[in-house]
Amino acid sequence: MSMQKIQYKYRRENLSESEPTKFNYENLASEEMLINLGPQHPSTHGVLRIEVVTDGELIKEVVPHLGYLHRCFEKHAESLPFNQIIPFVDRLDYVAAMNSEHAYVMGVEKMLGIENTLPKRIEYIRVLVAELNRIASHFIAIGTYALDIGAQTPFLWLIRDRESIQRLLEWVSGARMLYNYIWVGGLFYDLPLGFEEKCLEFVNYVKPKLEELKQIIIDNHIFINRTANVGVLPMDLAINYGCTGPVLRGSGLKYDLRRVDAYSVYPEIEFDIPIGEGKMGKTGDCWDRNYVRLMECWESIRIIEQCLDKLTKDHKRTRDFDPQAFVPKKIRPVEMDFYARAENPKGELGFFFRTNGKTDVPTRVKCRACSFHNLSVLPEISKGWMIADLVAIIGSLDFVMGEVDR
C-alpha cells in the first residue's frame, strides 16, 4: 500500500445507519498507524519530517522528508565568483564551518594548481582550526545524543567545553560560527598573538574532560543498554549507501580521507583512525558510532598538539609573513570539470565545479553532502525497532539539515 493511502485503520463490523460506529479492537495490535516526527521536533536534529508507519510501538516503515532548510547553495554559487562562495559554504554544516571551508578552498586551489605553493605555516594553521572545529562538532553530536536518550547533564557539560573552542575560533576569525577564515590561497589573518598558548591551555583542560565523558556516557550501563545492538549498520550496506565518516567507520571500515587522499599536511602528522569493533554489541550499532566520535576527539587532540609544536618551532610567525600573499586577485580556471573532497566531522564533503574558462563564476557547482548520504540509510536500519529506538538511531547518524537540504 502506498504511503499516501496508509491511515489509522480500524475494521468496522455490523454497522447500520441507526447504530453508532463500532470498531473491532480484537486485532488492534496488527493495525498500522501513520505518525510524524517533526519537522519541528528535538529528536529530528533540525527541520526534518520523518513519516513513520508503526504497528503499535514497532516500526514498519520510515520515510524522511527533506527540504525544509533549503539553502539554495548550488544556485547561489553559480552566480558568484569563487572567492565569494566561502560564506555560503559556512552555512552548509554550520556546526563545522571551518572544516567545510577547508574542503572547498583546497578544491579550488587544486583546480588552479596552486595547492603545493602555500607556506607550511598556512597549512598547519588550517589543520589546527579544522581539528578544533572537529572536536566542537563531535561535542554537539555526543551531547545532543545523550539528551535524546534522557541524559541532560552531559549535554550541558559538552556545551560548556565547546564554548571554549568557539571562543578560540571567534578570536582567530572574528565570527562565532560562520567564519570565512580560510581563503583561496591563504587565510583571512594570521593567528592572534598568544593564540598558541591559549590553545595549549584548552588541550590540557579538555583531556581529563574526555576521560570523564567516557565514564559518564560511553561506558555508562544505561547508555550501553539503549545503544548496543540497536540500529546496526552492516559495512556493505554503509558502502552501498555512500555513508562516510564516523557512520562508516563505526561499521568497521578504516576509511578516512585524511589518510586516503593525504591532503594538506596530514601526511606529516601522526594519528590513528578509530573504528567500531562491536565491543558492547554488534559492529555498526549506535554505541559504536558514538564510540568512534569520542575516540576521534582524542585523535584531534593529538593533531592539534603536533600543529602547535610545528607553529611554535619549525614554522614560527615572522614580521614579514603575509597570510594573504598567495591569494589570487582573480580566480579564472581553464575550462574543465573538477571534483575535490575532504574529511569533514560527518564524512566526505565534496565539491564538483564546471568552468568555461571565460569568467571567474563557475558554470555548475554540485555539493556532495555527507549528511545526506548518512541520513539516506535511516529507513534500512530502523525497521523492526521501537519508536524510542528510532530516536536513538536518528541521533547516532549525526546529520545537519543545512547540509542535507543544501
Protein backbone atom coordinates (compact mmCIF):
# COMPACT_ATOMS: atom_id res chain seq x y z
CA MET A 1 0.00 0.00 0.00
CA SER A 2 1.35 3.45 -0.87
CA MET A 3 2.38 5.87 1.85
CA GLN A 4 -0.37 8.27 0.82
CA LYS A 5 -3.08 5.68 1.46
CA ILE A 6 -1.93 4.47 4.86
CA GLN A 7 -4.32 5.84 7.52
CA TYR A 8 -5.45 4.99 11.01
CA LYS A 9 -7.20 1.73 10.08
CA TYR A 10 -9.81 0.04 12.21
CA ARG A 11 -12.20 -2.54 10.83
CA ARG A 12 -15.85 -1.68 11.27
CA GLU A 13 -18.36 -4.52 11.56
CA ASN A 14 -22.14 -4.82 11.57
CA LEU A 15 -22.75 -1.13 11.01
CA SER A 16 -26.12 0.31 10.14
CA GLU A 17 -27.40 3.83 9.76
CA SER A 18 -29.22 3.60 13.10
CA GLU A 19 -26.25 2.29 15.08
CA PRO A 20 -23.28 4.34 16.29
CA THR A 21 -19.88 3.47 14.82
CA LYS A 22 -18.37 0.32 16.25
CA PHE A 23 -14.76 -0.71 15.97
CA ASN A 24 -13.18 -4.13 16.18
CA TYR A 25 -10.50 -3.85 18.83
CA GLU A 26 -9.61 -7.56 18.82
CA ASN A 27 -6.84 -7.19 16.25
CA LEU A 28 -5.79 -3.68 17.20
CA ALA A 29 -2.15 -4.73 17.65
CA SER A 30 -1.93 -5.62 13.96
CA GLU A 31 -3.37 -2.31 12.79
CA GLU A 32 -0.98 0.18 11.25
CA MET A 33 -0.72 3.84 12.16
CA LEU A 34 0.94 6.70 10.36
CA ILE A 35 2.68 9.17 12.69
CA ASN A 36 5.04 12.08 12.13
CA LEU A 37 8.22 13.11 13.89
CA GLY A 38 8.96 16.71 13.08
CA PRO A 39 9.60 18.82 11.17
CA GLN A 40 9.77 20.79 14.45
CA HIS A 41 10.90 18.22 16.99
CA PRO A 42 14.12 17.98 19.03
CA SER A 43 14.71 14.33 18.15
CA THR A 44 14.89 15.09 14.41
CA HIS A 45 18.01 17.26 14.93
CA GLY A 46 16.71 20.03 12.71
CA VAL A 47 13.78 20.76 10.45
CA LEU A 48 13.29 17.18 9.25
CA ARG A 49 9.94 15.42 8.91
CA ILE A 50 10.04 11.67 9.40
CA GLU A 51 6.96 9.74 8.35
CA VAL A 52 6.72 6.55 10.38
CA VAL A 53 4.42 3.58 9.81
CA THR A 54 4.02 1.73 13.09
CA ASP A 55 2.35 -1.42 14.31
CA GLY A 56 1.80 -0.36 17.89
CA GLU A 57 5.30 0.64 19.04
CA LEU A 58 7.05 -1.37 16.32
CA ILE A 59 8.32 0.45 13.24
CA LYS A 60 7.37 -0.99 9.86
CA GLU A 61 8.44 1.82 7.54
CA VAL A 62 10.34 5.11 7.80
CA VAL A 63 10.34 7.85 5.14
CA PRO A 64 12.42 11.02 5.68
CA HIS A 65 11.04 14.20 4.08
CA LEU A 66 13.63 16.86 3.28
CA GLY A 67 13.72 20.41 2.02
CA TYR A 68 12.60 22.49 5.00
CA LEU A 69 16.01 24.21 5.28
CA HIS A 70 16.92 24.56 1.62
CA ARG A 71 19.94 26.87 1.38
CA CYS A 72 19.92 27.13 -2.44
CA PHE A 73 23.69 26.77 -2.08
CA GLU A 74 24.42 25.41 -5.53
CA LYS A 75 22.45 28.06 -7.41
CA HIS A 76 23.89 30.83 -5.24
CA ALA A 77 27.36 29.50 -6.01
CA GLU A 78 26.67 29.58 -9.76
CA SER A 79 26.11 33.33 -9.61
CA LEU A 80 29.19 34.36 -7.59
CA PRO A 81 32.97 34.38 -8.08
CA PHE A 82 34.81 31.51 -6.42
CA ASN A 83 36.19 33.59 -3.55
CA GLN A 84 32.73 34.93 -2.64
CA ILE A 85 31.22 31.46 -2.28
CA ILE A 86 33.06 30.74 1.01
CA PRO A 87 30.44 32.42 3.28
CA PHE A 88 27.77 30.21 1.70
CA VAL A 89 29.92 27.12 2.32
CA ASP A 90 29.92 28.07 6.02
CA ARG A 91 26.15 27.72 6.09
CA LEU A 92 26.05 24.11 4.92
CA ASP A 93 27.28 22.28 8.02
CA TYR A 94 27.14 25.29 10.30
CA VAL A 95 28.38 23.17 13.23
CA ALA A 96 31.66 22.53 11.38
CA ALA A 97 32.03 25.57 9.13
CA MET A 98 35.84 25.67 9.34
CA ASN A 99 36.12 22.11 8.02
CA SER A 100 33.74 22.91 5.14
CA GLU A 101 35.81 25.96 4.22
CA HIS A 102 38.95 23.83 4.23
CA ALA A 103 37.39 21.29 1.85
CA TYR A 104 36.08 23.93 -0.57
CA VAL A 105 39.22 26.06 -0.62
CA MET A 106 41.51 23.09 -1.20
CA GLY A 107 39.30 22.08 -4.12
CA VAL A 108 39.61 25.48 -5.78
CA GLU A 109 43.37 25.55 -5.15
CA LYS A 110 43.82 22.12 -6.75
CA MET A 111 41.76 23.28 -9.71
CA LEU A 112 44.10 26.28 -10.06
CA GLY A 113 47.21 24.16 -9.50
CA ILE A 114 48.48 26.19 -6.53
CA GLU A 115 47.86 23.68 -3.73
CA ASN A 116 51.58 22.92 -3.26
CA THR A 117 52.79 26.53 -3.31
CA LEU A 118 51.40 27.68 0.03
CA PRO A 119 53.68 28.25 3.06
CA LYS A 120 53.61 25.43 5.60
CA ARG A 121 52.52 27.86 8.31
CA ILE A 122 49.25 28.43 6.44
CA GLU A 123 48.68 24.69 6.07
CA TYR A 124 49.32 23.97 9.75
CA ILE A 125 47.02 26.79 10.83
CA ARG A 126 44.27 25.41 8.58
CA VAL A 127 44.62 21.93 10.07
CA LEU A 128 44.74 23.38 13.59
CA VAL A 129 41.47 25.30 13.30
CA ALA A 130 39.80 22.45 11.38
CA GLU A 131 40.62 19.94 14.12
CA LEU A 132 39.37 22.35 16.79
CA ASN A 133 36.12 22.57 14.87
CA ARG A 134 36.02 18.77 14.52
CA ILE A 135 36.06 18.42 18.30
CA ALA A 136 33.34 21.07 18.64
CA SER A 137 31.19 19.21 16.10
CA HIS A 138 31.62 15.88 17.89
CA PHE A 139 30.79 17.53 21.22
CA ILE A 140 27.48 18.66 19.74
CA ALA A 141 26.86 15.17 18.31
CA ILE A 142 27.57 13.30 21.55
CA GLY A 143 25.91 15.88 23.80
CA THR A 144 22.65 16.09 21.88
CA TYR A 145 22.64 12.31 21.52
CA ALA A 146 22.83 11.91 25.29
CA LEU A 147 19.95 14.38 25.54
CA ASP A 148 17.93 12.31 23.05
CA ILE A 149 18.04 9.25 25.27
CA GLY A 150 17.41 11.06 28.52
CA ALA A 151 20.76 12.32 29.91
CA GLN A 152 20.72 16.09 30.36
CA THR A 153 23.87 16.76 32.40
CA PRO A 154 26.42 15.53 29.79
CA PHE A 155 24.84 17.83 27.21
CA LEU A 156 25.36 20.85 29.45
CA TRP A 157 28.95 19.86 30.18
CA LEU A 158 29.78 19.40 26.49
CA ILE A 159 28.18 22.71 25.53
CA ARG A 160 30.33 24.32 28.25
CA ASP A 161 33.52 22.79 26.85
CA ARG A 162 32.52 23.51 23.26
CA GLU A 163 32.23 27.14 24.25
CA SER A 164 36.00 27.21 24.87
CA ILE A 165 36.55 26.16 21.25
CA GLN A 166 34.02 28.70 20.00
CA ARG A 167 35.92 31.46 21.79
CA LEU A 168 39.21 30.38 20.24
CA LEU A 169 37.74 30.29 16.74
CA GLU A 170 35.99 33.61 17.30
CA TRP A 171 39.30 35.09 18.43
CA VAL A 172 41.09 33.92 15.29
CA SER A 173 38.36 34.80 12.76
CA GLY A 174 36.12 37.44 14.34
CA ALA A 175 32.98 35.30 13.90
CA ARG A 176 31.35 32.86 16.28
CA MET A 177 30.11 30.11 13.91
CA LEU A 178 30.31 31.22 10.26
CA TYR A 179 33.96 32.13 9.96
CA ASN A 180 35.02 32.97 6.38
CA TYR A 181 38.56 32.48 7.67
CA ILE A 182 40.18 30.02 5.24
CA TRP A 183 40.59 31.77 1.90
CA VAL A 184 41.62 30.51 -1.53
CA GLY A 185 45.41 30.83 -1.44
CA GLY A 186 45.72 31.71 2.23
CA LEU A 187 43.94 32.90 5.33
CA PHE A 188 41.98 35.95 6.41
CA TYR A 189 44.62 36.69 9.03
CA ASP A 190 47.47 35.09 10.95
CA LEU A 191 46.88 33.63 14.40
CA PRO A 192 46.49 36.34 17.08
CA LEU A 193 49.39 36.83 19.47
CA GLY A 194 49.10 34.36 22.33
CA PHE A 195 46.71 32.05 20.44
CA GLU A 196 49.07 29.06 20.58
CA GLU A 197 49.40 29.35 24.36
CA LYS A 198 45.64 29.63 24.90
CA CYS A 199 45.05 26.68 22.58
CA LEU A 200 47.52 24.56 24.54
CA GLU A 201 45.72 25.54 27.75
CA PHE A 202 42.48 24.24 26.24
CA VAL A 203 44.15 20.97 25.23
CA ASN A 204 45.39 20.37 28.77
CA TYR A 205 41.95 21.31 30.15
CA VAL A 206 39.92 19.06 27.87
CA LYS A 207 41.92 15.82 28.25
CA PRO A 208 40.51 14.92 31.70
CA LYS A 209 37.08 16.03 30.46
CA LEU A 210 37.25 13.43 27.68
CA GLU A 211 38.10 10.75 30.24
CA GLU A 212 35.15 11.91 32.30
CA LEU A 213 32.92 11.88 29.24
CA LYS A 214 33.81 8.27 28.50
CA GLN A 215 32.89 7.25 32.04
CA ILE A 216 29.55 9.07 32.32
CA ILE A 217 28.27 8.37 28.77
CA ILE A 218 30.08 5.81 26.62
CA ASP A 219 30.75 3.30 29.45
CA ASN A 220 27.51 4.07 31.27
CA HIS A 221 25.40 0.93 31.80
CA ILE A 222 22.14 2.64 30.85
CA PHE A 223 23.71 4.18 27.73
CA ILE A 224 25.03 0.77 26.66
CA ASN A 225 21.60 -0.83 27.12
CA ARG A 226 19.98 1.87 24.98
CA THR A 227 22.54 1.83 22.14
CA ALA A 228 24.31 -1.55 21.92
CA ASN A 229 22.85 -3.84 19.22
CA VAL A 230 20.46 -1.03 18.17
CA GLY A 231 20.36 0.32 14.61
CA VAL A 232 23.09 -1.99 13.35
CA LEU A 233 24.54 -0.79 10.03
CA PRO A 234 26.49 -3.57 8.26
CA MET A 235 29.61 -2.47 6.42
CA ASP A 236 28.37 -3.50 2.96
CA LEU A 237 25.11 -1.58 3.43
CA ALA A 238 27.03 1.53 4.59
CA ILE A 239 29.23 1.35 1.49
CA ASN A 240 26.27 0.86 -0.86
CA TYR A 241 24.52 3.93 0.54
CA GLY A 242 27.65 6.07 0.31
CA CYS A 243 27.94 6.56 4.06
CA THR A 244 31.21 8.08 5.23
CA GLY A 245 32.80 9.50 8.37
CA PRO A 246 32.05 8.01 11.82
CA VAL A 247 28.91 6.35 10.42
CA LEU A 248 31.04 4.26 8.04
CA ARG A 249 33.96 3.81 10.42
CA GLY A 250 31.54 2.75 13.13
CA SER A 251 30.71 -0.21 10.86
CA GLY A 252 34.34 -1.30 10.96
CA LEU A 253 35.91 0.17 7.81
CA LYS A 254 39.11 2.15 8.38
CA TYR A 255 38.43 4.79 5.72
CA ASP A 256 39.46 8.39 6.36
CA LEU A 257 40.25 10.85 3.56
CA ARG A 258 42.93 12.49 5.69
CA ARG A 259 44.83 9.23 5.14
CA VAL A 260 43.35 8.02 1.84
CA ASP A 261 43.87 11.30 -0.06
CA ALA A 262 46.70 12.55 2.21
CA TYR A 263 45.85 16.20 1.67
CA SER A 264 47.32 19.32 3.29
CA VAL A 265 49.93 18.42 5.95
CA TYR A 266 48.12 15.35 7.29
CA PRO A 267 50.79 13.00 5.84
CA GLU A 268 53.30 14.69 8.19
CA ILE A 269 51.10 14.18 11.27
CA GLU A 270 50.70 11.04 13.35
CA PHE A 271 47.16 9.98 14.23
CA ASP A 272 45.08 6.82 14.25
CA ILE A 273 41.71 6.05 12.65
CA PRO A 274 39.26 4.66 15.24
CA ILE A 275 36.70 2.13 14.02
CA GLY A 276 33.76 0.27 15.53
CA GLU A 277 34.64 -3.17 16.82
CA GLY A 278 31.39 -4.33 18.40
CA LYS A 279 32.81 -4.10 21.91
CA MET A 280 29.40 -3.74 23.55
CA GLY A 281 27.18 -5.31 20.90
CA LYS A 282 27.31 -5.77 17.15
CA THR A 283 29.75 -3.86 14.97
CA GLY A 284 28.00 -0.86 13.43
CA ASP A 285 25.44 -0.24 16.17
CA CYS A 286 24.58 3.11 17.76
CA TRP A 287 27.14 2.58 20.51
CA ASP A 288 29.96 2.05 18.01
CA ARG A 289 29.16 5.26 16.14
CA ASN A 290 29.32 7.31 19.33
CA TYR A 291 32.45 5.50 20.49
CA VAL A 292 34.20 6.39 17.22
CA ARG A 293 33.31 10.07 17.64
CA LEU A 294 34.74 10.16 21.15
CA MET A 295 37.94 8.44 20.03
CA GLU A 296 38.25 10.88 17.14
CA CYS A 297 38.25 13.72 19.67
CA TRP A 298 41.37 12.16 21.19
CA GLU A 299 42.99 11.89 17.76
CA SER A 300 42.14 15.54 17.02
CA ILE A 301 43.86 16.48 20.28
CA ARG A 302 46.98 14.65 19.07
CA ILE A 303 46.84 16.50 15.75
CA ILE A 304 46.37 19.88 17.47
CA GLU A 305 49.38 19.27 19.73
CA GLN A 306 51.58 18.44 16.72
CA CYS A 307 50.35 21.53 14.84
CA LEU A 308 51.09 23.75 17.85
CA ASP A 309 54.57 22.23 18.08
CA LYS A 310 55.23 22.98 14.41
CA LEU A 311 53.82 26.51 14.65
CA THR A 312 55.95 27.41 17.66
CA LYS A 313 59.20 25.77 16.49
CA ASP A 314 59.59 24.99 12.78
CA HIS A 315 57.12 27.50 11.30
CA LYS A 316 57.11 30.42 13.71
CA ARG A 317 55.39 33.69 12.98
CA THR A 318 57.63 36.35 11.40
CA ARG A 319 57.21 40.04 10.77
CA ASP A 320 57.12 39.61 7.00
CA PHE A 321 54.65 36.69 6.99
CA ASP A 322 51.54 37.62 5.00
CA PRO A 323 48.72 35.01 5.03
CA GLN A 324 47.14 36.76 2.02
CA ALA A 325 50.29 36.92 -0.10
CA PHE A 326 49.21 33.96 -2.27
CA VAL A 327 45.52 34.88 -2.51
CA PRO A 328 44.81 35.27 -6.25
CA LYS A 329 43.26 38.58 -7.28
CA LYS A 330 41.23 36.90 -10.00
CA ILE A 331 40.19 33.25 -9.99
CA ARG A 332 39.67 32.17 -13.58
CA PRO A 333 40.46 28.47 -14.15
CA VAL A 334 40.60 26.93 -17.61
CA GLU A 335 37.57 25.12 -18.98
CA MET A 336 37.19 21.86 -17.07
CA ASP A 337 35.11 19.62 -14.83
CA PHE A 338 36.69 19.13 -11.42
CA TYR A 339 35.81 17.30 -8.19
CA ALA A 340 37.54 17.70 -4.82
CA ARG A 341 36.79 16.22 -1.42
CA ALA A 342 37.92 16.26 2.20
CA GLU A 343 37.13 14.56 5.52
CA ASN A 344 34.59 16.57 7.50
CA PRO A 345 33.47 15.59 11.02
CA LYS A 346 30.42 13.89 9.47
CA GLY A 347 32.16 12.32 6.47
CA GLU A 348 33.22 13.08 2.91
CA LEU A 349 32.33 16.59 1.79
CA GLY A 350 32.88 17.02 -1.93
CA PHE A 351 32.51 19.83 -4.45
CA PHE A 352 32.10 19.50 -8.21
CA PHE A 353 32.94 22.51 -10.36
CA ARG A 354 32.34 23.11 -14.06
CA THR A 355 34.07 26.15 -15.57
CA ASN A 356 34.03 27.65 -19.05
CA GLY A 357 37.44 29.38 -18.91
CA LYS A 358 35.91 32.79 -19.66
CA THR A 359 34.72 34.01 -16.27
CA ASP A 360 35.50 33.70 -12.55
CA VAL A 361 31.96 32.45 -11.89
CA PRO A 362 31.52 28.65 -12.07
CA THR A 363 29.08 27.34 -14.66
CA ARG A 364 27.97 24.48 -12.42
CA VAL A 365 28.50 23.69 -8.74
CA LYS A 366 27.41 20.49 -7.02
CA CYS A 367 27.92 19.70 -3.35
CA ARG A 368 28.31 16.10 -2.24
CA ALA A 369 26.86 16.34 1.28
CA CYS A 370 27.94 13.60 3.69
CA SER A 371 24.92 14.23 5.94
CA PHE A 372 22.56 13.47 3.04
CA HIS A 373 24.09 10.05 2.40
CA ASN A 374 24.23 9.18 6.09
CA LEU A 375 20.57 10.12 6.53
CA SER A 376 19.53 8.10 3.47
CA VAL A 377 20.34 4.83 5.24
CA LEU A 378 17.85 5.57 8.06
CA PRO A 379 14.91 3.55 6.57
CA GLU A 380 17.12 0.46 6.22
CA ILE A 381 18.35 0.32 9.82
CA SER A 382 15.13 1.41 11.56
CA LYS A 383 12.67 -1.32 10.58
CA GLY A 384 11.60 -3.58 13.40
CA TRP A 385 12.75 -1.27 16.18
CA MET A 386 10.64 0.66 18.69
CA ILE A 387 9.85 4.35 18.36
CA ALA A 388 12.19 5.14 21.25
CA ASP A 389 14.94 3.26 19.39
CA LEU A 390 14.22 5.31 16.26
CA VAL A 391 15.12 8.46 18.20
CA ALA A 392 18.40 6.82 19.21
CA ILE A 393 19.14 5.74 15.63
CA ILE A 394 18.47 9.20 14.21
CA GLY A 395 20.82 10.85 16.69
CA SER A 396 23.58 8.32 16.04
CA LEU A 397 23.77 9.38 12.37
CA ASP A 398 24.72 12.98 13.34
CA PHE A 399 23.43 14.92 10.35
CA VAL A 400 22.88 18.65 9.91
CA MET A 401 19.90 19.68 7.81
CA GLY A 402 21.63 22.71 6.30
CA GLU A 403 23.97 20.27 4.57
CA VAL A 404 21.26 17.69 3.78
CA ASP A 405 18.99 20.19 2.01
CA ARG A 406 21.85 22.36 0.69
